[in-house]
Amino acid sequence: MASFHVMTDARGMRVQPVVRRIGTADIMDALRLGLDDFRQKPSHYVFLCLIYPVVGLILTRWTTGAGAIHLVYPLMSGFALLGPFAAIGLYEISRRRELGMDTSWRHALELRYSPALPSIAVVGIMLFALFLLWLYTAQSIYTSLFGEAAPASIGVFLNEVLTTRQGWMLILLGNAAGFIFAVVALATSVVAFPLMLDRDAGAVAAVETSMRAVWANPLPLALWGLIVAALLVIGAIPLLAGLAVVMPVLGHSTWHLYRKLVEPDRSMRRPM
């Protein structure tokens, strides 16, 4: 039976996985391995990742129809905050391929039987809350500069953003705030989900390990964050359809990045 572990793993032990130091070559190798996983099992993105651009398009249409044109960019950029949780099934496929096990797509669905599922769900809810907070922040920045009234049209909105002082302030403050949210998401989740899937370490231990990994490897993981952001932008350009390729490659690569950042079987445990 799945159960939620806050401070301990499934055996009631305090977990503190050993974090490694990595370099730029490790980041590139993780991407290479992720691309190799994608090439070996390309059908998985159809099942696991087409939902990402589809939902993005639905949300874009909803905000535009609801008179919230100014939230389209924050919505699309902030939606990437949910990426680490959305890629859970891809981590499982990479894990099974690493172990020489069957990697049929149905195994991604078998995650619902994982003993770590409650802890995974809690960290996923944390990311969703961060996503909502980002949207609230973006709305607040817009309101402080342009008032409560929504833009009359996309054309009017673009003209205001690109040709007025308030518009340039919106770009500056919005991207600065978005950067902070992206750093928080990266720091708390870069290895959290793979770790819980791999060891059922507990939600707190998984988030804490992610933060230690970032602290120990600030430059390599900053590069990783830039690569992720760049690939998501490239994938979003063709009406978000490119995310159907970008997301699975990044998902598989994240599993291999986790393997490089965290020692596999040398956790430091002590009873609570």
C-alpha atoms as a PDB file:
ATOM      1  CA  MET A   1       0.000   0.000   0.000  1.00  0.00           C
ATOM      2  CA  ALA A   2       1.195   3.480  -0.822  1.00  0.00           C
ATOM      3  CA  SER A   3       1.689   5.784   2.130  1.00  0.00           C
ATOM      4  CA  PHE A   4       2.847   9.345   2.610  1.00  0.00           C
ATOM      5  CA  HIS A   5       6.256   9.801   4.196  1.00  0.00           C
ATOM      6  CA  VAL A   6       7.153  13.319   5.277  1.00  0.00           C
ATOM      7  CA  MET A   7      10.474  13.201   7.096  1.00  0.00           C
ATOM      8  CA  THR A   8      11.310   9.496   6.616  1.00  0.00           C
ATOM      9  CA  ASP A   9      11.369   6.843   3.925  1.00  0.00           C
ATOM     10  CA  ALA A  10       9.054   3.808   3.730  1.00  0.00           C
ATOM     11  CA  ARG A  11      11.044   2.098   6.525  1.00  0.00           C
ATOM     12  CA  GLY A  12      10.796   5.011   8.922  1.00  0.00           C
ATOM     13  CA  MET A  13      14.431   6.009   8.429  1.00  0.00           C
ATOM     14  CA  ARG A  14      15.791   9.520   7.933  1.00  0.00           C
ATOM     15  CA  VAL A  15      17.294   9.728   4.440  1.00  0.00           C
ATOM     16  CA  GLN A  16      20.090  11.998   3.278  1.00  0.00           C
ATOM     17  CA  PRO A  17      21.368  10.799  -0.102  1.00  0.00           C
ATOM     18  CA  VAL A  18      24.939  11.686  -1.002  1.00  0.00           C
ATOM     19  CA  VAL A  19      25.111  14.459  -3.596  1.00  0.00           C
ATOM     20  CA  ARG A  20      27.881  14.483  -6.182  1.00  0.00           C
ATOM     21  CA  ARG A  21      29.638  17.375  -7.872  1.00  0.00           C
ATOM     22  CA  ILE A  22      29.222  17.385 -11.642  1.00  0.00           C
ATOM     23  CA  GLY A  23      30.484  19.445 -14.566  1.00  0.00           C
ATOM     24  CA  THR A  24      29.340  20.723 -17.934  1.00  0.00           C
ATOM     25  CA  ALA A  25      30.272  17.415 -19.569  1.00  0.00           C
ATOM     26  CA  ASP A  26      27.818  15.611 -17.267  1.00  0.00           C
ATOM     27  CA  ILE A  27      25.004  17.952 -18.334  1.00  0.00           C
ATOM     28  CA  MET A  28      25.725  17.265 -21.989  1.00  0.00           C
ATOM     29  CA  ASP A  29      25.955  13.523 -21.338  1.00  0.00           C
ATOM     30  CA  ALA A  30      22.594  13.527 -19.536  1.00  0.00           C
ATOM     31  CA  LEU A  31      21.041  15.216 -22.579  1.00  0.00           C
ATOM     32  CA  ARG A  32      22.678  12.675 -24.881  1.00  0.00           C
ATOM     33  CA  LEU A  33      21.370   9.776 -22.816  1.00  0.00           C
ATOM     34  CA  GLY A  34      17.922  11.337 -22.678  1.00  0.00           C
ATOM     35  CA  LEU A  35      17.884  11.718 -26.453  1.00  0.00           C
ATOM     36  CA  ASP A  36      18.963   8.082 -26.776  1.00  0.00           C
ATOM     37  CA  ASP A  37      16.048   6.983 -24.556  1.00  0.00           C
ATOM     38  CA  PHE A  38      13.695   9.016 -26.713  1.00  0.00           C
ATOM     39  CA  ARG A  39      15.034   7.463 -29.899  1.00  0.00           C
ATOM     40  CA  GLN A  40      14.654   3.977 -28.492  1.00  0.00           C
ATOM     41  CA  LYS A  41      11.077   4.492 -27.287  1.00  0.00           C
ATOM     42  CA  PRO A  42       9.671   7.349 -29.410  1.00  0.00           C
ATOM     43  CA  SER A  43       6.066   6.193 -29.076  1.00  0.00           C
ATOM     44  CA  HIS A  44       5.990   7.271 -25.445  1.00  0.00           C
ATOM     45  CA  TYR A  45       5.798  10.947 -26.235  1.00  0.00           C
ATOM     46  CA  VAL A  46       2.509  10.364 -28.067  1.00  0.00           C
ATOM     47  CA  PHE A  47       0.946   8.977 -24.913  1.00  0.00           C
ATOM     48  CA  LEU A  48       2.724  10.994 -22.260  1.00  0.00           C
ATOM     49  CA  CYS A  49       3.545  14.374 -23.753  1.00  0.00           C
ATOM     50  CA  LEU A  50       1.071  15.430 -26.429  1.00  0.00           C
ATOM     51  CA  ILE A  51      -1.216  16.326 -23.532  1.00  0.00           C
ATOM     52  CA  TYR A  52       1.243  19.083 -22.597  1.00  0.00           C
ATOM     53  CA  PRO A  53       0.830  21.218 -25.766  1.00  0.00           C
ATOM     54  CA  VAL A  54      -2.868  20.340 -25.989  1.00  0.00           C
ATOM     55  CA  VAL A  55      -3.550  21.593 -22.470  1.00  0.00           C
ATOM     56  CA  GLY A  56      -1.390  24.628 -23.160  1.00  0.00           C
ATOM     57  CA  LEU A  57      -3.454  25.519 -26.220  1.00  0.00           C
ATOM     58  CA  ILE A  58      -6.694  25.048 -24.285  1.00  0.00           C
ATOM     59  CA  LEU A  59      -5.484  27.305 -21.495  1.00  0.00           C
ATOM     60  CA  THR A  60      -4.335  29.922 -23.999  1.00  0.00           C
ATOM     61  CA  ARG A  61      -7.739  29.913 -25.678  1.00  0.00           C
ATOM     62  CA  TRP A  62      -9.463  30.159 -22.292  1.00  0.00           C
ATOM     63  CA  THR A  63      -7.444  33.140 -21.118  1.00  0.00           C
ATOM     64  CA  THR A  64      -7.872  34.938 -24.445  1.00  0.00           C
ATOM     65  CA  GLY A  65     -11.631  34.377 -24.417  1.00  0.00           C
ATOM     66  CA  ALA A  66     -11.864  35.436 -20.799  1.00  0.00           C
ATOM     67  CA  GLY A  67     -10.238  38.814 -21.468  1.00  0.00           C
ATOM     68  CA  ALA A  68      -6.958  37.804 -19.896  1.00  0.00           C
ATOM     69  CA  ILE A  69      -4.672  38.271 -22.883  1.00  0.00           C
ATOM     70  CA  HIS A  70      -1.980  39.696 -20.628  1.00  0.00           C
ATOM     71  CA  LEU A  71      -1.729  36.333 -18.835  1.00  0.00           C
ATOM     72  CA  VAL A  72      -0.999  34.246 -21.926  1.00  0.00           C
ATOM     73  CA  TYR A  73       2.784  34.704 -21.711  1.00  0.00           C
ATOM     74  CA  PRO A  74       2.940  34.124 -17.919  1.00  0.00           C
ATOM     75  CA  LEU A  75       0.702  31.102 -18.380  1.00  0.00           C
ATOM     76  CA  MET A  76       2.867  29.525 -21.050  1.00  0.00           C
ATOM     77  CA  SER A  77       6.164  30.299 -19.328  1.00  0.00           C
ATOM     78  CA  GLY A  78       4.829  29.363 -15.893  1.00  0.00           C
ATOM     79  CA  PHE A  79       3.349  26.143 -17.223  1.00  0.00           C
ATOM     80  CA  ALA A  80       6.932  24.888 -17.502  1.00  0.00           C
ATOM     81  CA  LEU A  81       7.051  24.904 -13.687  1.00  0.00           C
ATOM     82  CA  LEU A  82       4.878  21.793 -13.825  1.00  0.00           C
ATOM     83  CA  GLY A  83       7.245  20.025 -16.212  1.00  0.00           C
ATOM     84  CA  PRO A  84       9.137  17.992 -13.569  1.00  0.00           C
ATOM     85  CA  PHE A  85       5.855  16.516 -12.344  1.00  0.00           C
ATOM     86  CA  ALA A  86       4.445  16.000 -15.856  1.00  0.00           C
ATOM     87  CA  ALA A  87       7.505  13.912 -16.776  1.00  0.00           C
ATOM     88  CA  ILE A  88       7.064  11.310 -14.017  1.00  0.00           C
ATOM     89  CA  GLY A  89       6.148   8.575 -16.496  1.00  0.00           C
ATOM     90  CA  LEU A  90       9.254   9.306 -18.537  1.00  0.00           C
ATOM     91  CA  TYR A  91      11.481   8.866 -15.484  1.00  0.00           C
ATOM     92  CA  GLU A  92       9.945   5.436 -14.996  1.00  0.00           C
ATOM     93  CA  ILE A  93      10.616   4.436 -18.599  1.00  0.00           C
ATOM     94  CA  SER A  94      14.258   5.534 -18.327  1.00  0.00           C
ATOM     95  CA  ARG A  95      14.587   3.721 -14.996  1.00  0.00           C
ATOM     96  CA  ARG A  96      13.253   0.482 -16.469  1.00  0.00           C
ATOM     97  CA  ARG A  97      15.445   0.752 -19.553  1.00  0.00           C
ATOM     98  CA  GLU A  98      18.478   1.335 -17.319  1.00  0.00           C
ATOM     99  CA  LEU A  99      17.666  -1.902 -15.463  1.00  0.00           C
ATOM    100  CA  GLY A 100      17.053  -3.878 -18.656  1.00  0.00           C
ATOM    101  CA  MET A 101      13.334  -4.257 -17.865  1.00  0.00           C
ATOM    102  CA  ASP A 102      10.332  -4.099 -20.167  1.00  0.00           C
ATOM    103  CA  THR A 103       9.759  -0.477 -21.216  1.00  0.00           C
ATOM    104  CA  SER A 104       6.286  -0.794 -22.729  1.00  0.00           C
ATOM    105  CA  TRP A 105       4.234   2.382 -22.370  1.00  0.00           C
ATOM    106  CA  ARG A 106       1.780   0.707 -19.996  1.00  0.00           C
ATOM    107  CA  HIS A 107       4.441   0.761 -17.284  1.00  0.00           C
ATOM    108  CA  ALA A 108       4.139   4.535 -17.109  1.00  0.00           C
ATOM    109  CA  LEU A 109       0.566   4.014 -15.921  1.00  0.00           C
ATOM    110  CA  GLU A 110       1.702   1.528 -13.296  1.00  0.00           C
ATOM    111  CA  LEU A 111       3.135   4.446 -11.338  1.00  0.00           C
ATOM    112  CA  ARG A 112      -0.255   4.617  -9.653  1.00  0.00           C
ATOM    113  CA  TYR A 113       0.852   1.546  -7.691  1.00  0.00           C
ATOM    114  CA  SER A 114       4.128   3.111  -6.543  1.00  0.00           C
ATOM    115  CA  PRO A 115       4.501   3.273  -2.745  1.00  0.00           C
ATOM    116  CA  ALA A 116       5.907   6.779  -3.227  1.00  0.00           C
ATOM    117  CA  LEU A 117       2.810   8.043  -5.040  1.00  0.00           C
ATOM    118  CA  PRO A 118       1.436  10.111  -2.104  1.00  0.00           C
ATOM    119  CA  SER A 119       4.791  11.835  -1.589  1.00  0.00           C
ATOM    120  CA  ILE A 120       5.096  12.429  -5.330  1.00  0.00           C
ATOM    121  CA  ALA A 121       1.602  13.923  -5.344  1.00  0.00           C
ATOM    122  CA  VAL A 122       2.417  16.277  -2.465  1.00  0.00           C
ATOM    123  CA  VAL A 123       5.507  17.667  -4.189  1.00  0.00           C
ATOM    124  CA  GLY A 124       3.450  17.935  -7.375  1.00  0.00           C
ATOM    125  CA  ILE A 125       0.848  19.975  -5.482  1.00  0.00           C
ATOM    126  CA  MET A 126       3.681  22.171  -4.221  1.00  0.00           C
ATOM    127  CA  LEU A 127       4.710  22.896  -7.812  1.00  0.00           C
ATOM    128  CA  PHE A 128       1.110  23.580  -8.811  1.00  0.00           C
ATOM    129  CA  ALA A 129       0.807  26.037  -5.921  1.00  0.00           C
ATOM    130  CA  LEU A 130       4.009  27.710  -7.137  1.00  0.00           C
ATOM    131  CA  PHE A 131       2.465  27.916 -10.606  1.00  0.00           C
ATOM    132  CA  LEU A 132      -0.683  29.587  -9.243  1.00  0.00           C
ATOM    133  CA  LEU A 133       1.416  31.983  -7.166  1.00  0.00           C
ATOM    134  CA  TRP A 134       3.348  32.915 -10.302  1.00  0.00           C
ATOM    135  CA  LEU A 135       0.105  33.699 -12.154  1.00  0.00           C
ATOM    136  CA  TYR A 136      -1.084  35.817  -9.219  1.00  0.00           C
ATOM    137  CA  THR A 137       2.256  37.660  -9.204  1.00  0.00           C
ATOM    138  CA  ALA A 138       2.080  38.285 -12.949  1.00  0.00           C
ATOM    139  CA  GLN A 139      -1.470  39.607 -12.630  1.00  0.00           C
ATOM    140  CA  SER A 140      -0.436  41.876  -9.758  1.00  0.00           C
ATOM    141  CA  ILE A 141       2.473  43.319 -11.749  1.00  0.00           C
ATOM    142  CA  TYR A 142       0.195  44.022 -14.705  1.00  0.00           C
ATOM    143  CA  THR A 143      -2.481  45.615 -12.515  1.00  0.00           C
ATOM    144  CA  SER A 144       0.038  47.856 -10.762  1.00  0.00           C
ATOM    145  CA  LEU A 145       1.192  49.221 -14.126  1.00  0.00           C
ATOM    146  CA  PHE A 146      -1.949  49.244 -16.282  1.00  0.00           C
ATOM    147  CA  GLY A 147      -4.843  49.123 -13.832  1.00  0.00           C
ATOM    148  CA  GLU A 148      -7.677  46.646 -13.449  1.00  0.00           C
ATOM    149  CA  ALA A 149      -9.036  46.795 -17.011  1.00  0.00           C
ATOM    150  CA  ALA A 150      -8.002  43.936 -19.292  1.00  0.00           C
ATOM    151  CA  PRO A 151      -6.526  44.730 -22.750  1.00  0.00           C
ATOM    152  CA  ALA A 152      -9.160  45.239 -25.451  1.00  0.00           C
ATOM    153  CA  SER A 153      -7.330  43.033 -27.949  1.00  0.00           C
ATOM    154  CA  ILE A 154      -4.019  41.340 -28.639  1.00  0.00           C
ATOM    155  CA  GLY A 155      -3.004  44.226 -30.902  1.00  0.00           C
ATOM    156  CA  VAL A 156      -3.720  46.834 -28.248  1.00  0.00           C
ATOM    157  CA  PHE A 157      -1.875  44.811 -25.636  1.00  0.00           C
ATOM    158  CA  LEU A 158       1.233  44.349 -27.799  1.00  0.00           C
ATOM    159  CA  ASN A 159       1.262  48.038 -28.645  1.00  0.00           C
ATOM    160  CA  GLU A 160       1.093  48.964 -24.947  1.00  0.00           C
ATOM    161  CA  VAL A 161       3.847  46.535 -24.018  1.00  0.00           C
ATOM    162  CA  LEU A 162       6.274  47.440 -26.776  1.00  0.00           C
ATOM    163  CA  THR A 163       5.799  51.208 -27.072  1.00  0.00           C
ATOM    164  CA  THR A 164       5.153  52.518 -23.563  1.00  0.00           C
ATOM    165  CA  ARG A 165       7.234  52.956 -20.427  1.00  0.00           C
ATOM    166  CA  GLN A 166       4.771  50.826 -18.484  1.00  0.00           C
ATOM    167  CA  GLY A 167       5.143  48.091 -21.090  1.00  0.00           C
ATOM    168  CA  TRP A 168       8.907  47.956 -20.742  1.00  0.00           C
ATOM    169  CA  MET A 169       8.541  47.920 -16.964  1.00  0.00           C
ATOM    170  CA  LEU A 170       6.133  45.000 -17.345  1.00  0.00           C
ATOM    171  CA  ILE A 171       8.706  43.095 -19.394  1.00  0.00           C
ATOM    172  CA  LEU A 172      11.495  43.849 -16.916  1.00  0.00           C
ATOM    173  CA  LEU A 173       9.586  43.125 -13.705  1.00  0.00           C
ATOM    174  CA  GLY A 174       7.715  40.156 -15.150  1.00  0.00           C
ATOM    175  CA  ASN A 175      10.824  38.395 -16.362  1.00  0.00           C
ATOM    176  CA  ALA A 176      12.677  39.168 -13.121  1.00  0.00           C
ATOM    177  CA  ALA A 177       9.847  37.632 -11.104  1.00  0.00           C
ATOM    178  CA  GLY A 178       9.645  34.691 -13.501  1.00  0.00           C
ATOM    179  CA  PHE A 179      13.363  34.070 -13.054  1.00  0.00           C
ATOM    180  CA  ILE A 180      12.910  33.839  -9.279  1.00  0.00           C
ATOM    181  CA  PHE A 181      10.063  31.358  -9.642  1.00  0.00           C
ATOM    182  CA  ALA A 182      12.096  29.289 -12.105  1.00  0.00           C
ATOM    183  CA  VAL A 183      15.039  29.144  -9.691  1.00  0.00           C
ATOM    184  CA  VAL A 184      12.765  28.002  -6.858  1.00  0.00           C
ATOM    185  CA  ALA A 185      11.221  25.304  -9.054  1.00  0.00           C
ATOM    186  CA  LEU A 186      14.632  24.095 -10.210  1.00  0.00           C
ATOM    187  CA  ALA A 187      16.106  24.076  -6.709  1.00  0.00           C
ATOM    188  CA  THR A 188      13.235  22.126  -5.167  1.00  0.00           C
ATOM    189  CA  SER A 189      12.489  19.612  -7.916  1.00  0.00           C
ATOM    190  CA  VAL A 190      15.550  18.961 -10.099  1.00  0.00           C
ATOM    191  CA  VAL A 191      16.057  15.501  -8.547  1.00  0.00           C
ATOM    192  CA  ALA A 192      13.063  15.281  -6.200  1.00  0.00           C
ATOM    193  CA  PHE A 193      10.716  13.250  -8.389  1.00  0.00           C
ATOM    194  CA  PRO A 194      13.324  10.782  -9.703  1.00  0.00           C
ATOM    195  CA  LEU A 195      14.562  10.278  -6.137  1.00  0.00           C
ATOM    196  CA  MET A 196      11.093   9.502  -4.780  1.00  0.00           C
ATOM    197  CA  LEU A 197      10.428   7.171  -7.689  1.00  0.00           C
ATOM    198  CA  ASP A 198      13.750   5.420  -7.224  1.00  0.00           C
ATOM    199  CA  ARG A 199      13.868   5.124  -3.413  1.00  0.00           C
ATOM    200  CA  ASP A 200      10.588   6.344  -1.874  1.00  0.00           C
ATOM    201  CA  ALA A 201      12.761   8.656   0.188  1.00  0.00           C
ATOM    202  CA  GLY A 202       9.945  10.896   1.409  1.00  0.00           C
ATOM    203  CA  ALA A 203       8.790  14.305   0.226  1.00  0.00           C
ATOM    204  CA  VAL A 204      10.936  16.440   2.531  1.00  0.00           C
ATOM    205  CA  ALA A 205      14.099  14.418   1.908  1.00  0.00           C
ATOM    206  CA  ALA A 206      13.552  14.604  -1.854  1.00  0.00           C
ATOM    207  CA  VAL A 207      13.130  18.391  -1.883  1.00  0.00           C
ATOM    208  CA  GLU A 208      16.058  18.841   0.524  1.00  0.00           C
ATOM    209  CA  THR A 209      18.278  16.669  -1.681  1.00  0.00           C
ATOM    210  CA  SER A 210      17.360  18.758  -4.732  1.00  0.00           C
ATOM    211  CA  MET A 211      18.344  21.915  -2.879  1.00  0.00           C
ATOM    212  CA  ARG A 212      21.672  20.407  -1.801  1.00  0.00           C
ATOM    213  CA  ALA A 213      22.348  19.291  -5.372  1.00  0.00           C
ATOM    214  CA  VAL A 214      21.825  22.846  -6.633  1.00  0.00           C
ATOM    215  CA  TRP A 215      23.946  24.296  -3.815  1.00  0.00           C
ATOM    216  CA  ALA A 216      26.795  21.899  -4.637  1.00  0.00           C
ATOM    217  CA  ASN A 217      26.557  22.473  -8.402  1.00  0.00           C
ATOM    218  CA  PRO A 218      25.363  26.050  -9.006  1.00  0.00           C
ATOM    219  CA  LEU A 219      27.031  26.620 -12.384  1.00  0.00           C
ATOM    220  CA  PRO A 220      26.258  23.246 -14.029  1.00  0.00           C
ATOM    221  CA  LEU A 221      22.639  23.380 -12.884  1.00  0.00           C
ATOM    222  CA  ALA A 222      22.331  27.002 -13.961  1.00  0.00           C
ATOM    223  CA  LEU A 223      23.427  25.771 -17.408  1.00  0.00           C
ATOM    224  CA  TRP A 224      20.838  22.995 -17.154  1.00  0.00           C
ATOM    225  CA  GLY A 225      18.153  25.543 -16.341  1.00  0.00           C
ATOM    226  CA  LEU A 226      19.150  27.701 -19.314  1.00  0.00           C
ATOM    227  CA  ILE A 227      19.086  24.688 -21.642  1.00  0.00           C
ATOM    228  CA  VAL A 228      15.647  23.680 -20.377  1.00  0.00           C
ATOM    229  CA  ALA A 229      14.323  27.219 -20.816  1.00  0.00           C
ATOM    230  CA  ALA A 230      15.782  27.519 -24.324  1.00  0.00           C
ATOM    231  CA  LEU A 231      14.410  24.159 -25.456  1.00  0.00           C
ATOM    232  CA  LEU A 232      10.971  24.946 -24.046  1.00  0.00           C
ATOM    233  CA  VAL A 233      10.923  28.252 -25.924  1.00  0.00           C
ATOM    234  CA  ILE A 234      11.973  26.513 -29.146  1.00  0.00           C
ATOM    235  CA  GLY A 235       9.353  23.819 -28.593  1.00  0.00           C
ATOM    236  CA  ALA A 236       6.639  26.387 -27.917  1.00  0.00           C
ATOM    237  CA  ILE A 237       7.224  28.421 -31.086  1.00  0.00           C
ATOM    238  CA  PRO A 238       5.358  26.096 -33.500  1.00  0.00           C
ATOM    239  CA  LEU A 239       2.029  26.416 -31.600  1.00  0.00           C
ATOM    240  CA  LEU A 240       3.554  24.402 -28.729  1.00  0.00           C
ATOM    241  CA  ALA A 241       3.688  21.275 -30.924  1.00  0.00           C
ATOM    242  CA  GLY A 242       7.462  21.076 -30.527  1.00  0.00           C
ATOM    243  CA  LEU A 243       6.958  20.370 -26.836  1.00  0.00           C
ATOM    244  CA  ALA A 244       5.825  16.880 -27.837  1.00  0.00           C
ATOM    245  CA  VAL A 245       9.491  16.217 -28.654  1.00  0.00           C
ATOM    246  CA  VAL A 246      11.203  18.581 -26.223  1.00  0.00           C
ATOM    247  CA  MET A 247       9.331  17.357 -23.149  1.00  0.00           C
ATOM    248  CA  PRO A 248      10.183  13.649 -23.454  1.00  0.00           C
ATOM    249  CA  VAL A 249      13.839  14.388 -24.233  1.00  0.00           C
ATOM    250  CA  LEU A 250      14.082  16.637 -21.160  1.00  0.00           C
ATOM    251  CA  GLY A 251      12.158  14.128 -19.063  1.00  0.00           C
ATOM    252  CA  HIS A 252      14.475  11.254 -19.928  1.00  0.00           C
ATOM    253  CA  SER A 253      17.497  13.524 -19.530  1.00  0.00           C
ATOM    254  CA  THR A 254      16.349  14.539 -16.047  1.00  0.00           C
ATOM    255  CA  TRP A 255      16.476  10.901 -14.958  1.00  0.00           C
ATOM    256  CA  HIS A 256      20.080  10.618 -16.139  1.00  0.00           C
ATOM    257  CA  LEU A 257      20.930  13.954 -14.521  1.00  0.00           C
ATOM    258  CA  TYR A 258      19.561  12.545 -11.251  1.00  0.00           C
ATOM    259  CA  ARG A 259      21.840   9.514 -11.613  1.00  0.00           C
ATOM    260  CA  LYS A 260      24.836  11.800 -12.008  1.00  0.00           C
ATOM    261  CA  LEU A 261      23.883  14.085  -9.110  1.00  0.00           C
ATOM    262  CA  VAL A 262      22.941  11.488  -6.470  1.00  0.00           C
ATOM    263  CA  GLU A 263      24.923   8.463  -5.326  1.00  0.00           C
ATOM    264  CA  PRO A 264      22.867   5.357  -6.153  1.00  0.00           C
ATOM    265  CA  ASP A 265      23.095   3.155  -3.064  1.00  0.00           C
ATOM    266  CA  ARG A 266      24.951   5.066  -0.397  1.00  0.00           C
ATOM    267  CA  SER A 267      22.226   6.939   1.450  1.00  0.00           C
ATOM    268  CA  MET A 268      22.957   8.110   4.981  1.00  0.00           C
ATOM    269  CA  ARG A 269      20.075   6.872   7.153  1.00  0.00           C
ATOM    270  CA  ARG A 270      19.320   7.180  10.818  1.00  0.00           C
ATOM    271  CA  PRO A 271      16.163   6.334  12.815  1.00  0.00           C
ATOM    272  CA  MET A 272      13.823   9.208  13.616  1.00  0.00           C
END
